[in-house]
Amino acid sequence: MSDEYADPSGNTEAFRAFAHTPETAPRQPSKLPLLIGVAVAAVLVVAVLAWFVLS
């Protein structure tokens, strides 16, 4: 058997090209806080309308 060792990660130039490529799709911020805010606002509107109707 030969004592040669082949680096499985490739050469340095290929790694640098891989490491410096921009992401294909930027991450989107989570919409969960917005959805929670909308839900809370909807509940408050319904509660205020119910209070006006029942009083």
N, C-alpha and C. Protein backbone atom coordinates (compact mmCIF):
# COMPACT_ATOMS: atom_id res chain seq x y z
N MET A 1 0.84 -1.18 0.00
CA MET A 1 0.00 0.00 0.00
C MET A 1 0.88 1.24 0.00
N SER A 2 0.36 2.27 -0.60
CA SER A 2 1.14 3.51 -0.65
C SER A 2 0.90 4.33 0.61
N ASP A 3 1.86 5.15 0.93
CA ASP A 3 1.74 6.00 2.10
C ASP A 3 1.21 7.39 1.75
N GLU A 4 0.77 7.56 0.51
CA GLU A 4 0.26 8.86 0.11
C GLU A 4 -1.09 9.13 0.76
N TYR A 5 -1.27 10.36 1.18
CA TYR A 5 -2.52 10.74 1.82
C TYR A 5 -3.17 11.84 0.98
N ALA A 6 -4.38 11.60 0.56
CA ALA A 6 -5.12 12.59 -0.21
C ALA A 6 -6.10 13.30 0.72
N ASP A 7 -5.98 14.61 0.79
CA ASP A 7 -6.85 15.39 1.66
C ASP A 7 -8.28 15.35 1.10
N PRO A 8 -9.23 14.82 1.86
CA PRO A 8 -10.59 14.71 1.34
C PRO A 8 -11.29 16.06 1.19
N SER A 9 -10.78 17.11 1.82
CA SER A 9 -11.45 18.41 1.72
C SER A 9 -11.08 19.18 0.47
N GLY A 10 -10.20 18.65 -0.34
CA GLY A 10 -9.80 19.33 -1.55
C GLY A 10 -8.66 20.29 -1.29
N ASN A 11 -8.45 21.21 -2.21
CA ASN A 11 -7.35 22.13 -2.03
C ASN A 11 -7.81 23.42 -1.35
N THR A 12 -6.87 24.24 -0.98
CA THR A 12 -7.17 25.47 -0.26
C THR A 12 -7.99 26.43 -1.12
N GLU A 13 -7.70 26.50 -2.39
CA GLU A 13 -8.42 27.41 -3.27
C GLU A 13 -9.91 27.04 -3.36
N ALA A 14 -10.19 25.77 -3.44
CA ALA A 14 -11.58 25.33 -3.50
C ALA A 14 -12.30 25.63 -2.19
N PHE A 15 -11.61 25.45 -1.07
CA PHE A 15 -12.23 25.75 0.22
C PHE A 15 -12.52 27.24 0.36
N ARG A 16 -11.58 28.07 -0.05
CA ARG A 16 -11.79 29.52 0.06
C ARG A 16 -12.96 29.96 -0.82
N ALA A 17 -13.07 29.38 -1.99
CA ALA A 17 -14.19 29.73 -2.87
C ALA A 17 -15.51 29.31 -2.22
N PHE A 18 -15.51 28.16 -1.57
CA PHE A 18 -16.73 27.69 -0.90
C PHE A 18 -17.05 28.56 0.31
N ALA A 19 -16.03 28.91 1.09
CA ALA A 19 -16.25 29.64 2.33
C ALA A 19 -16.70 31.07 2.09
N HIS A 20 -16.35 31.66 0.97
CA HIS A 20 -16.67 33.05 0.71
C HIS A 20 -17.85 33.25 -0.21
N THR A 21 -18.56 32.19 -0.57
CA THR A 21 -19.73 32.37 -1.41
C THR A 21 -20.89 32.85 -0.55
N PRO A 22 -21.70 33.78 -1.07
CA PRO A 22 -22.85 34.24 -0.30
C PRO A 22 -23.90 33.13 -0.20
N GLU A 23 -24.73 33.22 0.80
CA GLU A 23 -25.80 32.24 0.94
C GLU A 23 -26.75 32.36 -0.24
N THR A 24 -27.35 31.25 -0.63
CA THR A 24 -28.23 31.27 -1.79
C THR A 24 -29.52 32.02 -1.48
N ALA A 25 -30.04 31.87 -0.28
CA ALA A 25 -31.26 32.57 0.10
C ALA A 25 -31.07 33.17 1.49
N PRO A 26 -31.21 34.48 1.59
CA PRO A 26 -31.05 35.07 2.93
C PRO A 26 -32.18 34.63 3.85
N ARG A 27 -31.86 34.50 5.12
CA ARG A 27 -32.87 34.06 6.09
C ARG A 27 -33.88 35.16 6.32
N GLN A 28 -35.12 34.76 6.36
CA GLN A 28 -36.21 35.70 6.62
C GLN A 28 -36.44 35.81 8.12
N PRO A 29 -36.73 37.00 8.61
CA PRO A 29 -37.03 37.11 10.04
C PRO A 29 -38.33 36.37 10.37
N SER A 30 -38.44 35.94 11.59
CA SER A 30 -39.60 35.19 12.02
C SER A 30 -40.85 36.07 12.00
N LYS A 31 -41.95 35.52 11.55
CA LYS A 31 -43.21 36.26 11.52
C LYS A 31 -44.06 35.97 12.76
N LEU A 32 -43.56 35.15 13.67
CA LEU A 32 -44.33 34.78 14.84
C LEU A 32 -44.68 35.98 15.72
N PRO A 33 -43.77 36.90 16.04
CA PRO A 33 -44.16 38.05 16.85
C PRO A 33 -45.26 38.89 16.19
N LEU A 34 -45.21 39.03 14.88
CA LEU A 34 -46.25 39.77 14.17
C LEU A 34 -47.60 39.07 14.29
N LEU A 35 -47.60 37.76 14.14
CA LEU A 35 -48.85 37.01 14.25
C LEU A 35 -49.42 37.09 15.65
N ILE A 36 -48.57 37.04 16.66
CA ILE A 36 -49.04 37.15 18.04
C ILE A 36 -49.64 38.54 18.27
N GLY A 37 -48.99 39.57 17.77
CA GLY A 37 -49.51 40.93 17.91
C GLY A 37 -50.86 41.10 17.24
N VAL A 38 -51.01 40.54 16.06
CA VAL A 38 -52.29 40.63 15.35
C VAL A 38 -53.37 39.88 16.12
N ALA A 39 -53.05 38.73 16.66
CA ALA A 39 -54.03 37.95 17.42
C ALA A 39 -54.46 38.70 18.67
N VAL A 40 -53.51 39.29 19.39
CA VAL A 40 -53.84 40.05 20.60
C VAL A 40 -54.71 41.25 20.24
N ALA A 41 -54.38 41.95 19.18
CA ALA A 41 -55.18 43.10 18.76
C ALA A 41 -56.60 42.67 18.38
N ALA A 42 -56.74 41.55 17.71
CA ALA A 42 -58.07 41.06 17.33
C ALA A 42 -58.90 40.72 18.56
N VAL A 43 -58.27 40.08 19.54
CA VAL A 43 -58.99 39.74 20.77
C VAL A 43 -59.43 41.01 21.49
N LEU A 44 -58.56 42.01 21.54
CA LEU A 44 -58.92 43.27 22.20
C LEU A 44 -60.07 43.97 21.48
N VAL A 45 -60.06 43.97 20.17
CA VAL A 45 -61.14 44.61 19.41
C VAL A 45 -62.45 43.89 19.68
N VAL A 46 -62.45 42.58 19.67
CA VAL A 46 -63.67 41.81 19.95
C VAL A 46 -64.14 42.07 21.37
N ALA A 47 -63.22 42.13 22.34
CA ALA A 47 -63.60 42.39 23.73
C ALA A 47 -64.20 43.78 23.89
N VAL A 48 -63.62 44.77 23.26
CA VAL A 48 -64.16 46.14 23.35
C VAL A 48 -65.53 46.21 22.69
N LEU A 49 -65.70 45.60 21.53
CA LEU A 49 -67.01 45.59 20.88
C LEU A 49 -68.05 44.87 21.73
N ALA A 50 -67.69 43.76 22.32
CA ALA A 50 -68.62 43.03 23.18
C ALA A 50 -68.99 43.86 24.40
N TRP A 51 -68.02 44.60 24.95
CA TRP A 51 -68.30 45.44 26.13
C TRP A 51 -69.28 46.55 25.78
N PHE A 52 -69.10 47.17 24.58
CA PHE A 52 -70.02 48.22 24.15
C PHE A 52 -71.42 47.66 23.90
N VAL A 53 -71.51 46.50 23.31
CA VAL A 53 -72.81 45.91 22.98
C VAL A 53 -73.55 45.49 24.27
N LEU A 54 -72.84 44.94 25.22
CA LEU A 54 -73.46 44.42 26.44
C LEU A 54 -73.68 45.49 27.52
N SER A 55 -73.11 46.67 27.35
CA SER A 55 -73.30 47.67 28.41
C SER A 55 -74.43 48.62 28.12
